[in-house]
């Protein structure tokens, strides 16, 4: 019986496409493309290649909710239970600077709207609300030195009735947060990469990387092999397929979007239940996601998909809390894969002389991804 072998490279492919690569970046999301763009500024004549397993960026960069956020007040309060105040607000500052950099690079295509980020509290959250309320003045004083405004967090209970929410007793508004158009962002970043002579190979599913002498052998799933002088792994939640002994866990977030809702009152971005749920308007639609805390072990996966338990919970909350007196129809469901770990601090480090990591965005890739890409590029661009 004839043996079927995986495809190798032809002489033409090897000589024209897959050799003489100076820098190879694995992953074409926010981190990967920003790393490539920064490398281009450092090395104007070098050959830079990005390998992407999907037809378009696959993971979280094109599948997130489009929140330009750097930390709801309950998130900061929780983070301070595990990290020092200096560590927490240093990370907040990086997120803020990352958002500023993203706006500068992408420009108007980002469709950034500083609509405010509203944190909702119900009767069951009275204790945590009181704890947050006590910290508003202190947090504002720290944030003034980071983002330059007098009052970042303000109490906004008066907005509850205007939004039409039920079972919500308090709101704290983060005045400096907003929303973006995720698709336009990534489309613009991909175009900028091409304009800067950065090659992107789609459908390139990397199986392993091996450092031999002064070069890296990259094995693809179809048997092809690519050689590069240096490699940056920027695959976030999928990083554990390529690295060992690093605390990166893939988790899935499920999301829905409604069809158009006439006279929709809800405008802005919203967090609920310590950030486990989040929603926003997209024009006159509601985008709503989260709920992985309902089944954390099941959602600890790098496989896309939806589950009945989370779908039912999101729909229930739409009827009972978000749109209690408004009829709606769901248009689409999808999911995205995040990279998280014991720490919310990204992993940006060399793992060998010629290979570096820029992974684990902790659900804050929109905010921090551009800076993580720059720092990863600095590591391999030296």
Protein backbone atom coordinates (compact mmCIF):
# COMPACT_ATOMS: atom_id res chain seq x y z
CA UNK A 1 0.00 0.00 0.00
CA UNK A 2 1.31 3.44 -0.94
CA UNK A 3 2.57 5.65 1.89
CA UNK A 4 1.10 9.17 2.09
CA UNK A 5 3.61 11.71 3.39
CA UNK A 6 3.05 15.25 4.56
CA UNK A 7 3.98 18.04 2.20
CA UNK A 8 7.58 19.21 2.22
CA UNK A 9 8.91 22.38 0.67
CA UNK A 10 9.72 22.69 -2.98
CA UNK A 11 13.00 24.30 -3.98
CA UNK A 12 11.05 27.37 -5.14
CA UNK A 13 9.11 27.67 -1.88
CA UNK A 14 12.21 27.30 0.25
CA UNK A 15 14.35 29.74 -1.72
CA UNK A 16 11.65 32.40 -2.22
CA UNK A 17 9.41 32.21 0.84
CA UNK A 18 10.79 30.19 3.73
CA UNK A 19 14.46 31.05 4.03
CA UNK A 20 16.56 34.11 4.90
CA UNK A 21 14.07 35.15 7.60
CA UNK A 22 15.54 37.45 10.22
CA UNK A 23 12.55 37.67 12.56
CA UNK A 24 9.56 35.34 12.75
CA UNK A 25 6.56 36.21 14.90
CA UNK A 26 4.03 33.53 15.73
CA UNK A 27 0.56 35.09 15.94
CA UNK A 28 -0.90 38.00 13.96
CA UNK A 29 -3.05 39.52 16.69
CA UNK A 30 -2.61 42.85 18.43
CA UNK A 31 0.66 41.78 20.06
CA UNK A 32 2.17 40.11 17.01
CA UNK A 33 1.51 42.94 14.56
CA UNK A 34 2.65 45.65 16.97
CA UNK A 35 5.82 43.64 17.58
CA UNK A 36 6.42 43.40 13.84
CA UNK A 37 5.84 47.12 13.31
CA UNK A 38 8.28 47.99 16.09
CA UNK A 39 10.86 45.58 14.70
CA UNK A 40 10.54 47.30 11.35
CA UNK A 41 11.42 50.62 13.00
CA UNK A 42 14.46 48.98 14.61
CA UNK A 43 15.55 47.01 11.55
CA UNK A 44 14.41 48.77 8.35
CA UNK A 45 15.96 46.23 5.95
CA UNK A 46 15.43 42.95 7.83
CA UNK A 47 13.03 40.28 6.64
CA UNK A 48 10.10 40.02 9.07
CA UNK A 49 7.52 37.23 8.77
CA UNK A 50 4.38 36.57 10.81
CA UNK A 51 2.89 33.07 10.98
CA UNK A 52 -0.86 32.88 11.64
CA UNK A 53 -2.78 29.62 11.88
CA UNK A 54 -6.12 31.16 10.87
CA UNK A 55 -7.43 32.87 7.77
CA UNK A 56 -7.43 36.01 9.90
CA UNK A 57 -6.07 36.55 13.44
CA UNK A 58 -7.41 33.70 15.56
CA UNK A 59 -7.94 33.86 19.31
CA UNK A 60 -9.05 37.06 21.02
CA UNK A 61 -7.90 39.96 18.83
CA UNK A 62 -10.83 39.70 16.40
CA UNK A 63 -13.27 38.05 18.81
CA UNK A 64 -13.24 40.35 21.85
CA UNK A 65 -16.01 42.68 23.00
CA UNK A 66 -14.25 45.88 21.94
CA UNK A 67 -13.79 47.34 25.43
CA UNK A 68 -11.10 50.00 25.81
CA UNK A 69 -10.79 49.43 29.54
CA UNK A 70 -7.96 49.43 32.06
CA UNK A 71 -9.68 48.28 35.25
CA UNK A 72 -13.12 48.50 36.82
CA UNK A 73 -13.12 49.55 40.46
CA UNK A 74 -14.04 46.07 41.73
CA UNK A 75 -11.20 44.61 39.67
CA UNK A 76 -8.70 46.97 41.27
CA UNK A 77 -10.09 46.18 44.70
CA UNK A 78 -9.72 42.45 44.06
CA UNK A 79 -6.23 42.82 42.57
CA UNK A 80 -5.08 44.61 45.72
CA UNK A 81 -5.90 41.46 47.68
CA UNK A 82 -3.17 39.65 45.74
CA UNK A 83 -0.66 42.34 44.77
CA UNK A 84 0.81 45.52 46.17
CA UNK A 85 -0.69 48.89 45.34
CA UNK A 86 2.42 49.78 43.36
CA UNK A 87 2.16 46.59 41.28
CA UNK A 88 -1.54 47.05 40.58
CA UNK A 89 -1.32 50.67 39.47
CA UNK A 90 1.88 50.08 37.50
CA UNK A 91 -0.12 47.60 35.44
CA UNK A 92 -3.00 50.09 35.15
CA UNK A 93 -0.52 52.66 33.83
CA UNK A 94 0.74 50.22 31.18
CA UNK A 95 -2.83 49.53 30.11
CA UNK A 96 -3.55 53.24 29.83
CA UNK A 97 -0.37 53.89 27.83
CA UNK A 98 -1.18 50.89 25.66
CA UNK A 99 -4.60 52.33 24.83
CA UNK A 100 -2.99 55.67 23.97
CA UNK A 101 -0.49 53.94 21.70
CA UNK A 102 -3.22 51.87 20.02
CA UNK A 103 -5.22 55.02 19.25
CA UNK A 104 -2.14 56.67 17.78
CA UNK A 105 -1.23 53.71 15.56
CA UNK A 106 -4.71 52.77 14.34
CA UNK A 107 -6.12 56.30 14.17
CA UNK A 108 -9.75 57.04 13.27
CA UNK A 109 -10.32 53.46 12.10
CA UNK A 110 -10.32 52.40 15.74
CA UNK A 111 -13.68 54.22 16.07
CA UNK A 112 -12.85 54.91 19.70
CA UNK A 113 -15.68 56.40 21.74
CA UNK A 114 -14.97 57.49 25.31
CA UNK A 115 -18.45 56.49 26.45
CA UNK A 116 -17.50 55.64 30.00
CA UNK A 117 -17.31 52.28 31.74
CA UNK A 118 -20.21 51.66 34.15
CA UNK A 119 -19.88 49.13 36.96
CA UNK A 120 -23.25 47.79 38.14
CA UNK A 121 -24.03 46.57 41.65
CA UNK A 122 -27.09 44.66 42.82
CA UNK A 123 -28.53 44.02 46.29
CA UNK A 124 -26.19 41.07 46.72
CA UNK A 125 -23.21 43.39 46.12
CA UNK A 126 -23.85 45.92 48.88
CA UNK A 127 -20.73 45.00 50.87
CA UNK A 128 -18.42 45.23 47.88
CA UNK A 129 -20.07 48.46 46.77
CA UNK A 130 -19.40 50.01 50.17
CA UNK A 131 -15.77 48.89 49.97
CA UNK A 132 -15.46 50.46 46.50
CA UNK A 133 -17.16 53.66 47.57
CA UNK A 134 -14.63 54.08 50.36
CA UNK A 135 -11.75 53.77 47.88
CA UNK A 136 -13.00 56.17 45.18
CA UNK A 137 -11.18 59.23 46.48
CA UNK A 138 -7.93 57.32 47.04
CA UNK A 139 -7.99 55.63 43.63
CA UNK A 140 -8.80 58.93 41.92
CA UNK A 141 -5.79 60.58 43.53
CA UNK A 142 -3.49 57.85 42.17
CA UNK A 143 -5.10 57.81 38.73
CA UNK A 144 -4.77 61.58 38.42
CA UNK A 145 -1.02 61.08 38.15
CA UNK A 146 -1.50 58.37 35.51
CA UNK A 147 -4.22 59.67 33.20
CA UNK A 148 -4.32 63.33 34.17
CA UNK A 149 -7.95 63.82 35.12
CA UNK A 150 -9.39 64.92 38.42
CA UNK A 151 -12.09 62.30 38.99
CA UNK A 152 -11.82 59.03 37.10
CA UNK A 153 -14.37 57.16 39.23
CA UNK A 154 -17.66 58.82 40.14
CA UNK A 155 -20.91 57.55 41.67
CA UNK A 156 -23.69 57.44 39.10
CA UNK A 157 -26.80 55.93 40.74
CA UNK A 158 -28.98 58.51 39.00
CA UNK A 159 -28.34 56.74 35.67
CA UNK A 160 -30.01 53.48 36.69
CA UNK A 161 -33.53 54.54 35.70
CA UNK A 162 -32.41 56.23 32.48
CA UNK A 163 -30.80 52.99 31.29
CA UNK A 164 -33.86 50.97 32.27
CA UNK A 165 -31.99 48.39 34.36
CA UNK A 166 -33.66 46.22 36.97
CA UNK A 167 -32.06 44.63 40.05
CA UNK A 168 -29.32 47.28 39.95
CA UNK A 169 -28.92 49.40 43.10
CA UNK A 170 -25.67 51.31 42.46
CA UNK A 171 -23.42 52.38 39.58
CA UNK A 172 -19.83 53.60 39.68
CA UNK A 173 -18.67 55.19 36.43
CA UNK A 174 -15.11 55.06 35.12
CA UNK A 175 -15.09 58.23 33.03
CA UNK A 176 -11.93 57.30 31.12
CA UNK A 177 -13.10 54.05 29.53
CA UNK A 178 -14.74 53.52 26.18
CA UNK A 179 -15.36 51.27 23.21
CA UNK A 180 -13.66 50.45 19.92
CA UNK A 181 -14.46 48.64 16.68
CA UNK A 182 -12.44 45.44 16.99
CA UNK A 183 -12.73 44.45 13.34
CA UNK A 184 -11.66 47.84 12.00
CA UNK A 185 -8.73 47.86 14.45
CA UNK A 186 -7.33 44.55 13.24
CA UNK A 187 -7.99 45.30 9.58
CA UNK A 188 -6.00 48.53 9.91
CA UNK A 189 -3.14 46.82 11.75
CA UNK A 190 -2.93 44.13 9.06
CA UNK A 191 -2.82 46.80 6.36
CA UNK A 192 -0.05 48.66 8.20
CA UNK A 193 1.97 45.47 8.42
CA UNK A 194 1.71 44.95 4.67
CA UNK A 195 2.61 48.58 4.00
CA UNK A 196 5.76 48.06 6.04
CA UNK A 197 6.86 45.04 4.02
CA UNK A 198 5.96 42.57 6.74
CA UNK A 199 4.94 39.22 5.30
CA UNK A 200 2.02 37.35 6.85
CA UNK A 201 1.56 33.64 6.12
CA UNK A 202 -1.97 32.52 7.01
CA UNK A 203 -2.88 28.89 7.56
CA UNK A 204 0.52 28.30 9.17
CA UNK A 205 -0.22 26.14 12.21
CA UNK A 206 3.01 25.97 14.20
CA UNK A 207 3.52 22.61 15.92
CA UNK A 208 6.96 23.09 17.46
CA UNK A 209 10.06 25.25 17.47
CA UNK A 210 13.59 23.98 17.94
CA UNK A 211 16.73 26.01 18.42
CA UNK A 212 19.69 24.50 16.61
CA UNK A 213 23.00 26.36 16.60
CA UNK A 214 22.15 29.97 15.72
CA UNK A 215 18.82 29.40 14.03
CA UNK A 216 15.30 28.31 14.85
CA UNK A 217 13.55 25.46 13.05
CA UNK A 218 9.78 25.99 13.01
CA UNK A 219 7.71 22.89 12.25
CA UNK A 220 4.27 23.42 10.74
CA UNK A 221 1.35 21.05 11.01
CA UNK A 222 1.53 20.04 7.35
CA UNK A 223 5.17 18.97 7.62
CA UNK A 224 6.74 22.12 6.24
CA UNK A 225 9.72 23.59 8.02
CA UNK A 226 10.66 27.26 8.26
CA UNK A 227 14.05 28.60 9.36
CA UNK A 228 14.41 31.94 11.15
CA UNK A 229 17.20 33.65 13.03
CA UNK A 230 14.93 34.81 15.86
CA UNK A 231 11.36 34.02 16.98
CA UNK A 232 8.76 35.80 19.10
CA UNK A 233 5.83 33.73 20.38
CA UNK A 234 2.78 36.02 20.54
CA UNK A 235 -0.08 33.52 20.61
CA UNK A 236 -1.52 34.46 24.03
CA UNK A 237 -3.99 31.73 25.05
CA UNK A 238 -2.53 29.23 22.58
CA UNK A 239 1.01 29.65 23.91
CA UNK A 240 0.96 26.48 25.99
CA UNK A 241 1.09 24.45 22.76
CA UNK A 242 4.60 25.77 22.16
CA UNK A 243 6.10 26.39 25.60
CA UNK A 244 6.54 24.55 28.86
CA UNK A 245 6.94 25.61 32.47
CA UNK A 246 5.12 28.92 31.98
CA UNK A 247 1.88 29.82 33.74
CA UNK A 248 -0.37 30.48 30.75
CA UNK A 249 -3.89 29.04 30.77
CA UNK A 250 -6.31 29.22 27.86
CA UNK A 251 -9.87 30.21 28.80
CA UNK A 252 -12.94 30.70 26.63
CA UNK A 253 -15.32 33.65 26.79
CA UNK A 254 -18.74 33.36 25.15
CA UNK A 255 -20.45 36.36 23.57
CA UNK A 256 -23.79 37.21 21.96
CA UNK A 257 -25.02 40.19 19.97
CA UNK A 258 -28.65 41.12 19.44
CA UNK A 259 -30.38 42.31 16.34
CA UNK A 260 -31.20 46.02 16.11
CA UNK A 261 -33.27 47.32 19.03
CA UNK A 262 -35.28 50.48 18.24
CA UNK A 263 -34.78 53.39 20.65
CA UNK A 264 -32.09 51.58 22.64
CA UNK A 265 -31.36 53.58 25.83
CA UNK A 266 -28.13 51.80 26.74
CA UNK A 267 -25.01 53.61 25.52
CA UNK A 268 -21.54 52.83 26.85
CA UNK A 269 -19.63 49.88 28.27
CA UNK A 270 -20.80 48.03 31.37
CA UNK A 271 -19.37 45.58 33.90
CA UNK A 272 -21.36 43.40 36.30
CA UNK A 273 -20.61 40.86 39.03
CA UNK A 274 -16.91 41.74 39.50
CA UNK A 275 -16.40 41.85 35.75
CA UNK A 276 -17.51 38.27 35.07
CA UNK A 277 -20.22 39.78 32.84
CA UNK A 278 -19.81 42.70 30.45
CA UNK A 279 -22.00 44.36 27.87
CA UNK A 280 -22.09 47.40 25.60
CA UNK A 281 -24.04 48.88 22.76
CA UNK A 282 -22.87 48.42 19.20
CA UNK A 283 -25.03 51.03 17.52
CA UNK A 284 -28.54 49.91 18.45
CA UNK A 285 -27.51 46.37 19.34
CA UNK A 286 -26.43 44.93 22.69
CA UNK A 287 -23.25 42.87 22.81
CA UNK A 288 -23.14 40.75 25.97
CA UNK A 289 -20.52 38.27 27.14
CA UNK A 290 -18.97 36.43 30.05
CA UNK A 291 -20.18 33.85 32.54
CA UNK A 292 -17.15 31.58 32.48
CA UNK A 293 -17.29 31.56 36.30
CA UNK A 294 -20.40 29.34 35.99
CA UNK A 295 -18.30 26.42 34.73
CA UNK A 296 -14.62 27.38 35.07
CA UNK A 297 -13.21 23.93 34.35
CA UNK A 298 -15.20 23.55 31.13
CA UNK A 299 -14.23 27.05 30.02
CA UNK A 300 -10.55 26.37 30.67
CA UNK A 301 -10.03 25.38 27.05
CA UNK A 302 -8.52 26.57 23.79
CA UNK A 303 -11.47 25.21 21.79
CA UNK A 304 -14.03 27.63 20.38
CA UNK A 305 -17.70 26.98 21.02
CA UNK A 306 -20.70 27.76 23.22
CA UNK A 307 -22.42 25.91 26.06
CA UNK A 308 -26.05 25.75 27.15
CA UNK A 309 -25.38 26.76 30.77
CA UNK A 310 -23.75 30.05 29.80
CA UNK A 311 -26.15 30.77 26.93
CA UNK A 312 -29.13 30.33 29.25
CA UNK A 313 -27.56 32.54 31.92
CA UNK A 314 -26.78 35.36 29.50
CA UNK A 315 -30.27 35.29 28.02
CA UNK A 316 -31.79 35.25 31.53
CA UNK A 317 -29.77 38.30 32.54
CA UNK A 318 -30.79 40.11 29.36
CA UNK A 319 -34.46 39.61 30.28
CA UNK A 320 -34.17 40.24 34.01
CA UNK A 321 -31.50 42.95 34.34
CA UNK A 322 -30.35 44.59 31.11
CA UNK A 323 -33.50 44.78 28.95
CA UNK A 324 -36.32 43.85 31.35
CA UNK A 325 -39.02 45.74 29.47
CA UNK A 326 -37.68 45.51 25.94
CA UNK A 327 -38.13 42.72 23.43
CA UNK A 328 -35.00 41.59 21.60
CA UNK A 329 -33.75 38.87 19.29
CA UNK A 330 -30.26 37.35 19.30
CA UNK A 331 -28.41 37.68 16.01
CA UNK A 332 -25.09 35.87 16.66
CA UNK A 333 -23.10 33.86 19.21
CA UNK A 334 -19.32 33.40 19.22
CA UNK A 335 -16.41 32.80 21.57
CA UNK A 336 -12.84 33.98 21.99
CA UNK A 337 -9.79 32.43 23.65
CA UNK A 338 -7.93 34.41 26.32
CA UNK A 339 -4.58 33.78 28.00
CA UNK A 340 -4.64 34.10 31.79
CA UNK A 341 -2.57 32.92 34.74
CA UNK A 342 -1.94 33.30 38.44
CA UNK A 343 -0.73 36.84 37.78
CA UNK A 344 -2.37 39.44 35.54
CA UNK A 345 1.06 40.68 34.52
CA UNK A 346 1.96 39.63 30.95
CA UNK A 347 4.87 37.26 30.37
CA UNK A 348 7.51 39.09 28.35
CA UNK A 349 10.79 37.24 28.51
CA UNK A 350 13.49 35.39 26.62
CA UNK A 351 13.36 31.62 26.89
CA UNK A 352 16.57 31.13 24.92
CA UNK A 353 19.13 33.20 23.06
CA UNK A 354 16.91 33.49 20.01
CA UNK A 355 13.35 32.89 21.24
CA UNK A 356 11.16 35.20 23.35
CA UNK A 357 7.59 35.24 24.69
CA UNK A 358 5.00 38.03 24.69
CA UNK A 359 1.88 36.30 26.02
CA UNK A 360 -0.78 36.19 28.78
CA UNK A 361 -2.80 39.37 28.32
CA UNK A 362 -5.16 38.46 31.16
CA UNK A 363 -8.24 39.58 29.24
CA UNK A 364 -6.76 43.06 28.68
CA UNK A 365 -5.25 42.56 25.22
CA UNK A 366 -6.91 45.61 23.70
CA UNK A 367 -5.41 47.82 26.41
CA UNK A 368 -1.99 46.32 26.88
CA UNK A 369 -1.34 44.35 23.68
CA UNK A 370 0.40 47.09 21.70
CA UNK A 371 2.93 47.75 24.48
CA UNK A 372 3.50 44.03 25.06
CA UNK A 373 4.28 43.72 21.35
CA UNK A 374 6.81 46.55 21.56
CA UNK A 375 8.53 45.01 24.59
CA UNK A 376 8.64 41.59 22.92
CA UNK A 377 10.18 43.15 19.82
CA UNK A 378 12.83 44.83 21.95
CA UNK A 379 13.85 41.44 23.34
CA UNK A 380 14.48 39.76 19.99
CA UNK A 381 15.49 42.93 18.17
CA UNK A 382 18.64 43.53 20.21
